[in-house]
């Protein structure tokens, strides 16, 4: 993969299928029945530049866990390109929490392309963001949404899409989504103006309207500069904070 046509290749992404043991069910199965393997997808991100010898490769492996986030970004870029090429709106990105197993290692080109290694190590599962999730009361709200005791404002989904685009370095898309999310939020959050602190939050969001409109115009014209990207990041963060406050203060 390369960012632009004239650049040197930076990574190679290999996606294929492999068999994995089927997870056991809680209910016991007959002893004579063997669990059939299931197909899982294996994605491998391979750096195009080789290590300078075995010693350098071993030293890299000791700190290779630091490369997982970068590798996930590369994989998600490939998946995003596939979604665009196939015009498939249902294809989505992945996170470390989606992986059954995460391994880092090194080997020859043929080895790593086939999911084999000279040396590798398995990383522990990623822990969830417990503090933020606890504040958002996801289980309670999930039940409330299913039972009709709470609603999902349109601005909430738009903000999630903007955050995904920003995290995946799709800055232009993030700017466009943030303006749409902000416009929807200014209308929709009025229904929760009586919550403590919500009037101030709505007024703060309204003060961002002109700067976000400028960011949208810049996104339509081309790539965002660092200052404009910072504006999008700030506004989206404040919008997310207002949405968390709405959820925390809601009664359901």
Foldseek 3Di string as FASTA:
>chain_A
DDPDPPDDDFKDKAKDKDWDFDDDDPDDDDPVDGGDTDIDMDIFIGTPDDAPDDVRQVVCQVVVVVCPLVSQLVVQVVQVVVCVVVVPPPGHGDDLQVDPWDKDAADDPVQVSVVHHPDMDTDDGDDDPVVLCVLLVVVVVVVCPVVVVDHDQPLNVLLVVLVVCVSSVVQLSNLVSLLVSLVSCLVPCVVVCVFPPLVVLSVVSVVCNVLSVVLNVVSVVHDDDPVSSVSSVVSSVSSVVSVSSCSNRDDD
